[in-house]
Amino acid sequence: MPYTVNGTDLETDEQGYLLDPDYSEEIVHAIAAAEGLTLTDDHWKVVNYLRDEYREHGHTPNFRNMLKGMAEVIPGCESKTLYDLFPLGPAKQGAKVAGLPQPLGKGGY
C-alpha cells in the first residue's frame, strides 16, 4: 500500500509503514488521512518529537519513554492524551503518521 506524494510512490511494508523515512509535511497529511486522523497542533508536536528521536537515535522510543519525553513538549501530557491523538497506539501509529519506518520490537528502545 504505497503512498503517493507529489507524484512519487513511496514504498511501504505490509502494515503501511514507510521503508525509508520521509520528513515532508505532505507525507504526514497523506498518512494521517489514510489513518482517518484530523491533524491538530498536538499531533504535529508528537510527529516532530518522534522525528527528532529517530534522527538522533536511529529509532523511535517505546511508549513509556515517549510519554516521558512528551511531558516536556506538551505540559500535563498523560497516556490518555497520547491515545486520544493516536488511538491505535501512540508509539506505533505516531511513527507511521510521522513518515518513519516501523518501530523496533515493542515500539523502539
PDB file of N, CA and C in Angstrom:
ATOM      1  N   MET A   1       0.837  -1.182   0.000  1.00  0.00           N
ATOM      2  CA  MET A   1       0.000   0.000   0.000  1.00  0.00           C
ATOM      3  C   MET A   1       0.880   1.242   0.000  1.00  0.00           C
ATOM      4  N   PRO A   2       1.510   1.531  -1.126  1.00  0.00           N
ATOM      5  CA  PRO A   2       2.376   2.710  -1.180  1.00  0.00           C
ATOM      6  C   PRO A   2       1.561   4.005  -1.104  1.00  0.00           C
ATOM      7  N   TYR A   3       2.188   5.031  -0.578  1.00  0.00           N
ATOM      8  CA  TYR A   3       1.583   6.359  -0.554  1.00  0.00           C
ATOM      9  C   TYR A   3       2.155   7.129  -1.731  1.00  0.00           C
ATOM     10  N   THR A   4       1.321   7.924  -2.385  1.00  0.00           N
ATOM     11  CA  THR A   4       1.774   8.754  -3.488  1.00  0.00           C
ATOM     12  C   THR A   4       1.756  10.201  -3.018  1.00  0.00           C
ATOM     13  N   VAL A   5       2.936  10.818  -3.038  1.00  0.00           N
ATOM     14  CA  VAL A   5       3.082  12.209  -2.616  1.00  0.00           C
ATOM     15  C   VAL A   5       3.834  12.951  -3.706  1.00  0.00           C
ATOM     16  N   ASN A   6       3.233  14.032  -4.185  1.00  0.00           N
ATOM     17  CA  ASN A   6       3.842  14.842  -5.249  1.00  0.00           C
ATOM     18  C   ASN A   6       4.239  13.988  -6.452  1.00  0.00           C
ATOM     19  N   GLY A   7       3.382  13.015  -6.798  1.00  0.00           N
ATOM     20  CA  GLY A   7       3.619  12.169  -7.955  1.00  0.00           C
ATOM     21  C   GLY A   7       4.627  11.056  -7.756  1.00  0.00           C
ATOM     22  N   THR A   8       5.132  10.900  -6.534  1.00  0.00           N
ATOM     23  CA  THR A   8       6.115   9.863  -6.245  1.00  0.00           C
ATOM     24  C   THR A   8       5.495   8.801  -5.346  1.00  0.00           C
ATOM     25  N   ASP A   9       5.644   7.529  -5.740  1.00  0.00           N
ATOM     26  CA  ASP A   9       5.188   6.427  -4.898  1.00  0.00           C
ATOM     27  C   ASP A   9       6.264   6.114  -3.871  1.00  0.00           C
ATOM     28  N   LEU A  10       5.867   6.087  -2.600  1.00  0.00           N
ATOM     29  CA  LEU A  10       6.796   5.762  -1.522  1.00  0.00           C
ATOM     30  C   LEU A  10       6.498   4.356  -1.041  1.00  0.00           C
ATOM     31  N   GLU A  11       7.527   3.518  -0.995  1.00  0.00           N
ATOM     32  CA  GLU A  11       7.341   2.114  -0.630  1.00  0.00           C
ATOM     33  C   GLU A  11       7.033   1.951   0.852  1.00  0.00           C
ATOM     34  N   THR A  12       6.154   0.988   1.118  1.00  0.00           N
ATOM     35  CA  THR A  12       5.784   0.677   2.497  1.00  0.00           C
ATOM     36  C   THR A  12       5.913  -0.821   2.742  1.00  0.00           C
ATOM     37  N   ASP A  13       5.914  -1.183   4.028  1.00  0.00           N
ATOM     38  CA  ASP A  13       5.856  -2.599   4.366  1.00  0.00           C
ATOM     39  C   ASP A  13       4.395  -3.035   4.342  1.00  0.00           C
ATOM     40  N   GLU A  14       4.146  -4.282   4.705  1.00  0.00           N
ATOM     41  CA  GLU A  14       2.778  -4.826   4.643  1.00  0.00           C
ATOM     42  C   GLU A  14       1.814  -4.135   5.609  1.00  0.00           C
ATOM     43  N   GLN A  15       2.327  -3.417   6.608  1.00  0.00           N
ATOM     44  CA  GLN A  15       1.453  -2.726   7.567  1.00  0.00           C
ATOM     45  C   GLN A  15       1.323  -1.235   7.280  1.00  0.00           C
ATOM     46  N   GLY A  16       1.905  -0.773   6.178  1.00  0.00           N
ATOM     47  CA  GLY A  16       1.749   0.613   5.772  1.00  0.00           C
ATOM     48  C   GLY A  16       2.788   1.580   6.306  1.00  0.00           C
ATOM     49  N   TYR A  17       3.867   1.052   6.913  1.00  0.00           N
ATOM     50  CA  TYR A  17       4.953   1.917   7.373  1.00  0.00           C
ATOM     51  C   TYR A  17       5.909   2.160   6.213  1.00  0.00           C
ATOM     52  N   LEU A  18       6.434   3.371   6.111  1.00  0.00           N
ATOM     53  CA  LEU A  18       7.422   3.651   5.078  1.00  0.00           C
ATOM     54  C   LEU A  18       8.678   2.823   5.324  1.00  0.00           C
ATOM     55  N   LEU A  19       9.305   2.373   4.246  1.00  0.00           N
ATOM     56  CA  LEU A  19      10.559   1.626   4.371  1.00  0.00           C
ATOM     57  C   LEU A  19      11.723   2.565   4.658  1.00  0.00           C
ATOM     58  N   ASP A  20      11.644   3.776   4.124  1.00  0.00           N
ATOM     59  CA  ASP A  20      12.647   4.808   4.366  1.00  0.00           C
ATOM     60  C   ASP A  20      11.929   6.033   4.917  1.00  0.00           C
ATOM     61  N   PRO A  21      12.540   6.719   5.886  1.00  0.00           N
ATOM     62  CA  PRO A  21      11.870   7.881   6.459  1.00  0.00           C
ATOM     63  C   PRO A  21      11.647   8.981   5.434  1.00  0.00           C
ATOM     64  N   ASP A  22      10.560   9.699   5.591  1.00  0.00           N
ATOM     65  CA  ASP A  22      10.251  10.858   4.761  1.00  0.00           C
ATOM     66  C   ASP A  22       9.830  11.957   5.722  1.00  0.00           C
ATOM     67  N   TYR A  23      10.555  13.069   5.697  1.00  0.00           N
ATOM     68  CA  TYR A  23      10.320  14.139   6.659  1.00  0.00           C
ATOM     69  C   TYR A  23       9.472  15.285   6.101  1.00  0.00           C
ATOM     70  N   SER A  24       8.792  15.044   4.986  1.00  0.00           N
ATOM     71  CA  SER A  24       7.970  16.103   4.399  1.00  0.00           C
ATOM     72  C   SER A  24       6.633  16.238   5.136  1.00  0.00           C
ATOM     73  N   GLU A  25       6.069  17.432   5.063  1.00  0.00           N
ATOM     74  CA  GLU A  25       4.739  17.645   5.639  1.00  0.00           C
ATOM     75  C   GLU A  25       3.686  16.886   4.847  1.00  0.00           C
ATOM     76  N   GLU A  26       3.904  16.780   3.541  1.00  0.00           N
ATOM     77  CA  GLU A  26       2.922  16.133   2.670  1.00  0.00           C
ATOM     78  C   GLU A  26       2.687  14.679   3.063  1.00  0.00           C
ATOM     79  N   ILE A  27       3.759  13.966   3.425  1.00  0.00           N
ATOM     80  CA  ILE A  27       3.577  12.558   3.787  1.00  0.00           C
ATOM     81  C   ILE A  27       2.768  12.432   5.073  1.00  0.00           C
ATOM     82  N   VAL A  28       2.962  13.357   5.993  1.00  0.00           N
ATOM     83  CA  VAL A  28       2.189  13.326   7.241  1.00  0.00           C
ATOM     84  C   VAL A  28       0.705  13.475   6.928  1.00  0.00           C
ATOM     85  N   HIS A  29       0.383  14.420   6.064  1.00  0.00           N
ATOM     86  CA  HIS A  29      -1.027  14.625   5.701  1.00  0.00           C
ATOM     87  C   HIS A  29      -1.603  13.395   4.994  1.00  0.00           C
ATOM     88  N   ALA A  30      -0.818  12.781   4.096  1.00  0.00           N
ATOM     89  CA  ALA A  30      -1.289  11.610   3.349  1.00  0.00           C
ATOM     90  C   ALA A  30      -1.540  10.426   4.278  1.00  0.00           C
ATOM     91  N   ILE A  31      -0.600  10.154   5.184  1.00  0.00           N
ATOM     92  CA  ILE A  31      -0.756   9.001   6.073  1.00  0.00           C
ATOM     93  C   ILE A  31      -1.849   9.260   7.097  1.00  0.00           C
ATOM     94  N   ALA A  32      -1.916  10.480   7.631  1.00  0.00           N
ATOM     95  CA  ALA A  32      -2.969  10.812   8.597  1.00  0.00           C
ATOM     96  C   ALA A  32      -4.347  10.626   7.962  1.00  0.00           C
ATOM     97  N   ALA A  33      -4.500  11.053   6.731  1.00  0.00           N
ATOM     98  CA  ALA A  33      -5.783  10.872   6.039  1.00  0.00           C
ATOM     99  C   ALA A  33      -6.104   9.393   5.885  1.00  0.00           C
ATOM    100  N   ALA A  34      -5.095   8.586   5.515  1.00  0.00           N
ATOM    101  CA  ALA A  34      -5.299   7.142   5.364  1.00  0.00           C
ATOM    102  C   ALA A  34      -5.660   6.498   6.705  1.00  0.00           C
ATOM    103  N   GLU A  35      -5.159   7.056   7.804  1.00  0.00           N
ATOM    104  CA  GLU A  35      -5.439   6.537   9.146  1.00  0.00           C
ATOM    105  C   GLU A  35      -6.729   7.115   9.727  1.00  0.00           C
ATOM    106  N   GLY A  36      -7.362   8.042   9.012  1.00  0.00           N
ATOM    107  CA  GLY A  36      -8.606   8.643   9.488  1.00  0.00           C
ATOM    108  C   GLY A  36      -8.400   9.678  10.585  1.00  0.00           C
ATOM    109  N   LEU A  37      -7.225  10.306  10.616  1.00  0.00           N
ATOM    110  CA  LEU A  37      -6.917  11.289  11.650  1.00  0.00           C
ATOM    111  C   LEU A  37      -6.998  12.706  11.092  1.00  0.00           C
ATOM    112  N   THR A  38      -7.545  13.608  11.874  1.00  0.00           N
ATOM    113  CA  THR A  38      -7.535  15.031  11.566  1.00  0.00           C
ATOM    114  C   THR A  38      -6.438  15.655  12.413  1.00  0.00           C
ATOM    115  N   LEU A  39      -5.436  16.204  11.766  1.00  0.00           N
ATOM    116  CA  LEU A  39      -4.257  16.699  12.472  1.00  0.00           C
ATOM    117  C   LEU A  39      -4.525  17.990  13.233  1.00  0.00           C
ATOM    118  N   THR A  40      -3.989  18.031  14.455  1.00  0.00           N
ATOM    119  CA  THR A  40      -4.038  19.216  15.298  1.00  0.00           C
ATOM    120  C   THR A  40      -2.605  19.639  15.611  1.00  0.00           C
ATOM    121  N   ASP A  41      -2.445  20.751  16.307  1.00  0.00           N
ATOM    122  CA  ASP A  41      -1.109  21.181  16.721  1.00  0.00           C
ATOM    123  C   ASP A  41      -0.437  20.118  17.582  1.00  0.00           C
ATOM    124  N   ASP A  42      -1.210  19.452  18.446  1.00  0.00           N
ATOM    125  CA  ASP A  42      -0.623  18.418  19.300  1.00  0.00           C
ATOM    126  C   ASP A  42      -0.160  17.207  18.497  1.00  0.00           C
ATOM    127  N   HIS A  43      -0.878  16.855  17.421  1.00  0.00           N
ATOM    128  CA  HIS A  43      -0.393  15.785  16.537  1.00  0.00           C
ATOM    129  C   HIS A  43       0.982  16.165  15.989  1.00  0.00           C
ATOM    130  N   TRP A  44       1.119  17.404  15.535  1.00  0.00           N
ATOM    131  CA  TRP A  44       2.383  17.858  14.967  1.00  0.00           C
ATOM    132  C   TRP A  44       3.491  17.851  16.010  1.00  0.00           C
ATOM    133  N   LYS A  45       3.171  18.159  17.260  1.00  0.00           N
ATOM    134  CA  LYS A  45       4.187  18.103  18.320  1.00  0.00           C
ATOM    135  C   LYS A  45       4.698  16.677  18.484  1.00  0.00           C
ATOM    136  N   VAL A  46       3.791  15.714  18.429  1.00  0.00           N
ATOM    137  CA  VAL A  46       4.192  14.304  18.533  1.00  0.00           C
ATOM    138  C   VAL A  46       5.007  13.901  17.308  1.00  0.00           C
ATOM    139  N   VAL A  47       4.548  14.275  16.124  1.00  0.00           N
ATOM    140  CA  VAL A  47       5.265  13.951  14.887  1.00  0.00           C
ATOM    141  C   VAL A  47       6.692  14.503  14.948  1.00  0.00           C
ATOM    142  N   ASN A  48       6.829  15.763  15.319  1.00  0.00           N
ATOM    143  CA  ASN A  48       8.155  16.379  15.367  1.00  0.00           C
ATOM    144  C   ASN A  48       9.034  15.739  16.446  1.00  0.00           C
ATOM    145  N   TYR A  49       8.447  15.399  17.588  1.00  0.00           N
ATOM    146  CA  TYR A  49       9.188  14.720  18.643  1.00  0.00           C
ATOM    147  C   TYR A  49       9.713  13.370  18.137  1.00  0.00           C
ATOM    148  N   LEU A  50       8.836  12.573  17.518  1.00  0.00           N
ATOM    149  CA  LEU A  50       9.244  11.257  17.025  1.00  0.00           C
ATOM    150  C   LEU A  50      10.306  11.368  15.931  1.00  0.00           C
ATOM    151  N   ARG A  51      10.169  12.345  15.056  1.00  0.00           N
ATOM    152  CA  ARG A  51      11.166  12.544  14.011  1.00  0.00           C
ATOM    153  C   ARG A  51      12.520  12.919  14.616  1.00  0.00           C
ATOM    154  N   ASP A  52      12.508  13.805  15.605  1.00  0.00           N
ATOM    155  CA  ASP A  52      13.762  14.191  16.268  1.00  0.00           C
ATOM    156  C   ASP A  52      14.418  12.989  16.936  1.00  0.00           C
ATOM    157  N   GLU A  53      13.610  12.166  17.618  1.00  0.00           N
ATOM    158  CA  GLU A  53      14.143  10.973  18.273  1.00  0.00           C
ATOM    159  C   GLU A  53      14.718   9.994  17.246  1.00  0.00           C
ATOM    160  N   TYR A  54      14.036   9.845  16.120  1.00  0.00           N
ATOM    161  CA  TYR A  54      14.516   8.937  15.081  1.00  0.00           C
ATOM    162  C   TYR A  54      15.839   9.431  14.501  1.00  0.00           C
ATOM    163  N   ARG A  55      15.920  10.739  14.234  1.00  0.00           N
ATOM    164  CA  ARG A  55      17.163  11.304  13.700  1.00  0.00           C
ATOM    165  C   ARG A  55      18.318  11.122  14.683  1.00  0.00           C
ATOM    166  N   GLU A  56      18.029  11.333  15.974  1.00  0.00           N
ATOM    167  CA  GLU A  56      19.081  11.285  16.985  1.00  0.00           C
ATOM    168  C   GLU A  56      19.518   9.864  17.330  1.00  0.00           C
ATOM    169  N   HIS A  57      18.558   8.930  17.406  1.00  0.00           N
ATOM    170  CA  HIS A  57      18.853   7.586  17.892  1.00  0.00           C
ATOM    171  C   HIS A  57      18.760   6.484  16.831  1.00  0.00           C
ATOM    172  N   GLY A  58      18.171   6.801  15.676  1.00  0.00           N
ATOM    173  CA  GLY A  58      18.021   5.788  14.636  1.00  0.00           C
ATOM    174  C   GLY A  58      16.782   4.935  14.800  1.00  0.00           C
ATOM    175  N   HIS A  59      15.975   5.235  15.816  1.00  0.00           N
ATOM    176  CA  HIS A  59      14.699   4.549  16.043  1.00  0.00           C
ATOM    177  C   HIS A  59      13.851   5.432  16.958  1.00  0.00           C
ATOM    178  N   THR A  60      12.607   5.065  17.094  1.00  0.00           N
ATOM    179  CA  THR A  60      11.700   5.841  17.935  1.00  0.00           C
ATOM    180  C   THR A  60      11.594   5.194  19.320  1.00  0.00           C
ATOM    181  N   PRO A  61      11.179   5.980  20.314  1.00  0.00           N
ATOM    182  CA  PRO A  61      11.087   5.432  21.670  1.00  0.00           C
ATOM    183  C   PRO A  61       9.882   4.523  21.846  1.00  0.00           C
ATOM    184  N   ASN A  62       9.968   3.641  22.846  1.00  0.00           N
ATOM    185  CA  ASN A  62       8.782   2.864  23.206  1.00  0.00           C
ATOM    186  C   ASN A  62       7.801   3.809  23.903  1.00  0.00           C
ATOM    187  N   PHE A  63       6.613   3.325  24.194  1.00  0.00           N
ATOM    188  CA  PHE A  63       5.579   4.208  24.724  1.00  0.00           C
ATOM    189  C   PHE A  63       5.987   4.853  26.047  1.00  0.00           C
ATOM    190  N   ARG A  64       6.582   4.084  26.936  1.00  0.00           N
ATOM    191  CA  ARG A  64       6.954   4.622  28.245  1.00  0.00           C
ATOM    192  C   ARG A  64       7.927   5.795  28.110  1.00  0.00           C
ATOM    193  N   ASN A  65       8.953   5.625  27.288  1.00  0.00           N
ATOM    194  CA  ASN A  65       9.916   6.698  27.068  1.00  0.00           C
ATOM    195  C   ASN A  65       9.303   7.859  26.289  1.00  0.00           C
ATOM    196  N   MET A  66       8.398   7.534  25.378  1.00  0.00           N
ATOM    197  CA  MET A  66       7.705   8.571  24.631  1.00  0.00           C
ATOM    198  C   MET A  66       6.877   9.437  25.576  1.00  0.00           C
ATOM    199  N   LEU A  67       6.187   8.807  26.510  1.00  0.00           N
ATOM    200  CA  LEU A  67       5.359   9.533  27.464  1.00  0.00           C
ATOM    201  C   LEU A  67       6.215  10.493  28.292  1.00  0.00           C
ATOM    202  N   LYS A  68       7.379  10.026  28.737  1.00  0.00           N
ATOM    203  CA  LYS A  68       8.296  10.893  29.496  1.00  0.00           C
ATOM    204  C   LYS A  68       8.756  12.073  28.648  1.00  0.00           C
ATOM    205  N   GLY A  69       9.148  11.804  27.424  1.00  0.00           N
ATOM    206  CA  GLY A  69       9.632  12.863  26.538  1.00  0.00           C
ATOM    207  C   GLY A  69       8.552  13.852  26.158  1.00  0.00           C
ATOM    208  N   MET A  70       7.350  13.356  25.929  1.00  0.00           N
ATOM    209  CA  MET A  70       6.257  14.236  25.522  1.00  0.00           C
ATOM    210  C   MET A  70       5.790  15.131  26.666  1.00  0.00           C
ATOM    211  N   ALA A  71       6.026  14.722  27.905  1.00  0.00           N
ATOM    212  CA  ALA A  71       5.646  15.558  29.053  1.00  0.00           C
ATOM    213  C   ALA A  71       6.399  16.887  29.021  1.00  0.00           C
ATOM    214  N   GLU A  72       7.574  16.901  28.398  1.00  0.00           N
ATOM    215  CA  GLU A  72       8.333  18.142  28.258  1.00  0.00           C
ATOM    216  C   GLU A  72       7.833  18.982  27.082  1.00  0.00           C
ATOM    217  N   VAL A  73       7.192  18.343  26.126  1.00  0.00           N
ATOM    218  CA  VAL A  73       6.723  19.033  24.926  1.00  0.00           C
ATOM    219  C   VAL A  73       5.289  19.542  25.088  1.00  0.00           C
ATOM    220  N   ILE A  74       4.440  18.718  25.686  1.00  0.00           N
ATOM    221  CA  ILE A  74       3.039  19.080  25.951  1.00  0.00           C
ATOM    222  C   ILE A  74       2.849  19.025  27.459  1.00  0.00           C
ATOM    223  N   PRO A  75       2.860  20.174  28.126  1.00  0.00           N
ATOM    224  CA  PRO A  75       2.697  20.168  29.591  1.00  0.00           C
ATOM    225  C   PRO A  75       1.434  19.415  30.008  1.00  0.00           C
ATOM    226  N   GLY A  76       1.579  18.569  31.019  1.00  0.00           N
ATOM    227  CA  GLY A  76       0.443  17.786  31.506  1.00  0.00           C
ATOM    228  C   GLY A  76       0.092  16.597  30.640  1.00  0.00           C
ATOM    229  N   CYS A  77       0.968  16.258  29.685  1.00  0.00           N
ATOM    230  CA  CYS A  77       0.707  15.138  28.782  1.00  0.00           C
ATOM    231  C   CYS A  77       0.660  13.834  29.573  1.00  0.00           C
ATOM    232  N   GLU A  78      -0.407  13.095  29.358  1.00  0.00           N
ATOM    233  CA  GLU A  78      -0.593  11.793  30.006  1.00  0.00           C
ATOM    234  C   GLU A  78      -0.856  10.744  28.942  1.00  0.00           C
ATOM    235  N   SER A  79      -0.919   9.517  29.366  1.00  0.00           N
ATOM    236  CA  SER A  79      -1.197   8.407  28.471  1.00  0.00           C
ATOM    237  C   SER A  79      -2.476   8.656  27.670  1.00  0.00           C
ATOM    238  N   LYS A  80      -3.523   9.094  28.350  1.00  0.00           N
ATOM    239  CA  LYS A  80      -4.808   9.344  27.683  1.00  0.00           C
ATOM    240  C   LYS A  80      -4.674  10.409  26.603  1.00  0.00           C
ATOM    241  N   THR A  81      -3.875  11.429  26.873  1.00  0.00           N
ATOM    242  CA  THR A  81      -3.659  12.498  25.891  1.00  0.00           C
ATOM    243  C   THR A  81      -3.124  11.918  24.591  1.00  0.00           C
ATOM    244  N   LEU A  82      -2.107  11.057  24.708  1.00  0.00           N
ATOM    245  CA  LEU A  82      -1.488  10.484  23.518  1.00  0.00           C
ATOM    246  C   LEU A  82      -2.415   9.500  22.807  1.00  0.00           C
ATOM    247  N   TYR A  83      -3.181   8.721  23.581  1.00  0.00           N
ATOM    248  CA  TYR A  83      -4.126   7.786  22.955  1.00  0.00           C
ATOM    249  C   TYR A  83      -5.302   8.513  22.317  1.00  0.00           C
ATOM    250  N   ASP A  84      -5.648   9.690  22.825  1.00  0.00           N
ATOM    251  CA  ASP A  84      -6.684  10.490  22.160  1.00  0.00           C
ATOM    252  C   ASP A  84      -6.186  10.955  20.792  1.00  0.00           C
ATOM    253  N   LEU A  85      -4.898  11.244  20.691  1.00  0.00           N
ATOM    254  CA  LEU A  85      -4.318  11.689  19.424  1.00  0.00           C
ATOM    255  C   LEU A  85      -4.105  10.529  18.450  1.00  0.00           C
ATOM    256  N   PHE A  86      -3.596   9.410  18.978  1.00  0.00           N
ATOM    257  CA  PHE A  86      -3.279   8.240  18.151  1.00  0.00           C
ATOM    258  C   PHE A  86      -3.907   7.001  18.782  1.00  0.00           C
ATOM    259  N   PRO A  87      -5.192   6.773  18.523  1.00  0.00           N
ATOM    260  CA  PRO A  87      -5.937   5.706  19.199  1.00  0.00           C
ATOM    261  C   PRO A  87      -5.431   4.289  18.946  1.00  0.00           C
ATOM    262  N   LEU A  88      -4.692   4.063  17.878  1.00  0.00           N
ATOM    263  CA  LEU A  88      -4.182   2.716  17.600  1.00  0.00           C
ATOM    264  C   LEU A  88      -2.832   2.468  18.257  1.00  0.00           C
ATOM    265  N   GLY A  89      -2.384   3.410  19.054  1.00  0.00           N
ATOM    266  CA  GLY A  89      -1.114   3.282  19.770  1.00  0.00           C
ATOM    267  C   GLY A  89      -0.184   4.423  19.414  1.00  0.00           C
ATOM    268  N   PRO A  90       0.073   5.304  20.363  1.00  0.00           N
ATOM    269  CA  PRO A  90       0.891   6.486  20.074  1.00  0.00           C
ATOM    270  C   PRO A  90       2.289   6.168  19.539  1.00  0.00           C
ATOM    271  N   ALA A  91       2.957   5.170  20.081  1.00  0.00           N
ATOM    272  CA  ALA A  91       4.319   4.872  19.635  1.00  0.00           C
ATOM    273  C   ALA A  91       4.318   4.303  18.212  1.00  0.00           C
ATOM    274  N   LYS A  92       3.389   3.429  17.906  1.00  0.00           N
ATOM    275  CA  LYS A  92       3.338   2.783  16.590  1.00  0.00           C
ATOM    276  C   LYS A  92       2.636   3.675  15.549  1.00  0.00           C
ATOM    277  N   GLN A  93       1.398   4.063  15.842  1.00  0.00           N
ATOM    278  CA  GLN A  93       0.654   4.874  14.879  1.00  0.00           C
ATOM    279  C   GLN A  93       1.309   6.251  14.721  1.00  0.00           C
ATOM    280  N   GLY A  94       1.843   6.787  15.803  1.00  0.00           N
ATOM    281  CA  GLY A  94       2.531   8.071  15.725  1.00  0.00           C
ATOM    282  C   GLY A  94       3.726   8.007  14.789  1.00  0.00           C
ATOM    283  N   ALA A  95       4.511   6.943  14.881  1.00  0.00           N
ATOM    284  CA  ALA A  95       5.665   6.766  13.999  1.00  0.00           C
ATOM    285  C   ALA A  95       5.221   6.624  12.547  1.00  0.00           C
ATOM    286  N   LYS A  96       4.142   5.898  12.325  1.00  0.00           N
ATOM    287  CA  LYS A  96       3.632   5.717  10.964  1.00  0.00           C
ATOM    288  C   LYS A  96       3.240   7.073  10.377  1.00  0.00           C
ATOM    289  N   VAL A  97       2.456   7.833  11.126  1.00  0.00           N
ATOM    290  CA  VAL A  97       1.997   9.132  10.642  1.00  0.00           C
ATOM    291  C   VAL A  97       3.171  10.098  10.451  1.00  0.00           C
ATOM    292  N   ALA A  98       4.203   9.962  11.276  1.00  0.00           N
ATOM    293  CA  ALA A  98       5.387  10.821  11.165  1.00  0.00           C
ATOM    294  C   ALA A  98       6.213  10.514   9.914  1.00  0.00           C
ATOM    295  N   GLY A  99       5.874   9.443   9.196  1.00  0.00           N
ATOM    296  CA  GLY A  99       6.608   9.087   7.988  1.00  0.00           C
ATOM    297  C   GLY A  99       7.884   8.329   8.276  1.00  0.00           C
ATOM    298  N   LEU A 100       7.866   7.573   9.390  1.00  0.00           N
ATOM    299  CA  LEU A 100       9.048   6.818   9.816  1.00  0.00           C
ATOM    300  C   LEU A 100       8.843   5.320   9.607  1.00  0.00           C
ATOM    301  N   PRO A 101       9.926   4.563   9.501  1.00  0.00           N
ATOM    302  CA  PRO A 101       9.787   3.105   9.395  1.00  0.00           C
ATOM    303  C   PRO A 101       9.154   2.519  10.663  1.00  0.00           C
ATOM    304  N   GLN A 102       8.677   1.304  10.550  1.00  0.00           N
ATOM    305  CA  GLN A 102       8.035   0.643  11.680  1.00  0.00           C
ATOM    306  C   GLN A 102       8.982   0.570  12.881  1.00  0.00           C
ATOM    307  N   PRO A 103       8.486   0.924  14.072  1.00  0.00           N
ATOM    308  CA  PRO A 103       9.330   0.865  15.267  1.00  0.00           C
ATOM    309  C   PRO A 103       9.817  -0.552  15.555  1.00  0.00           C
ATOM    310  N   LEU A 104      10.968  -0.632  16.194  1.00  0.00           N
ATOM    311  CA  LEU A 104      11.562  -1.914  16.557  1.00  0.00           C
ATOM    312  C   LEU A 104      10.774  -2.577  17.678  1.00  0.00           C
ATOM    313  N   GLY A 105      10.755  -3.884  17.689  1.00  0.00           N
ATOM    314  CA  GLY A 105      10.154  -4.645  18.802  1.00  0.00           C
ATOM    315  C   GLY A 105       8.812  -4.114  19.237  1.00  0.00           C
ATOM    316  N   LYS A 106       8.755  -3.723  20.517  1.00  0.00           N
ATOM    317  CA  LYS A 106       7.504  -3.232  21.082  1.00  0.00           C
ATOM    318  C   LYS A 106       7.462  -1.712  21.080  1.00  0.00           C
ATOM    319  N   GLY A 107       7.909  -1.100  20.026  1.00  0.00           N
ATOM    320  CA  GLY A 107       7.814   0.349  19.899  1.00  0.00           C
ATOM    321  C   GLY A 107       9.135   1.073  20.062  1.00  0.00           C
ATOM    322  N   GLY A 108      10.257   0.411  19.916  1.00  0.00           N
ATOM    323  CA  GLY A 108      11.544   1.107  19.943  1.00  0.00           C
ATOM    324  C   GLY A 108      12.384   0.672  21.101  1.00  0.00           C
ATOM    325  N   TYR A 109      13.151   1.598  21.627  1.00  0.00           N
ATOM    326  CA  TYR A 109      14.074   1.278  22.723  1.00  0.00           C
ATOM    327  C   TYR A 109      13.428   1.394  24.063  1.00  0.00           C
TER     328      TYR A 109
END
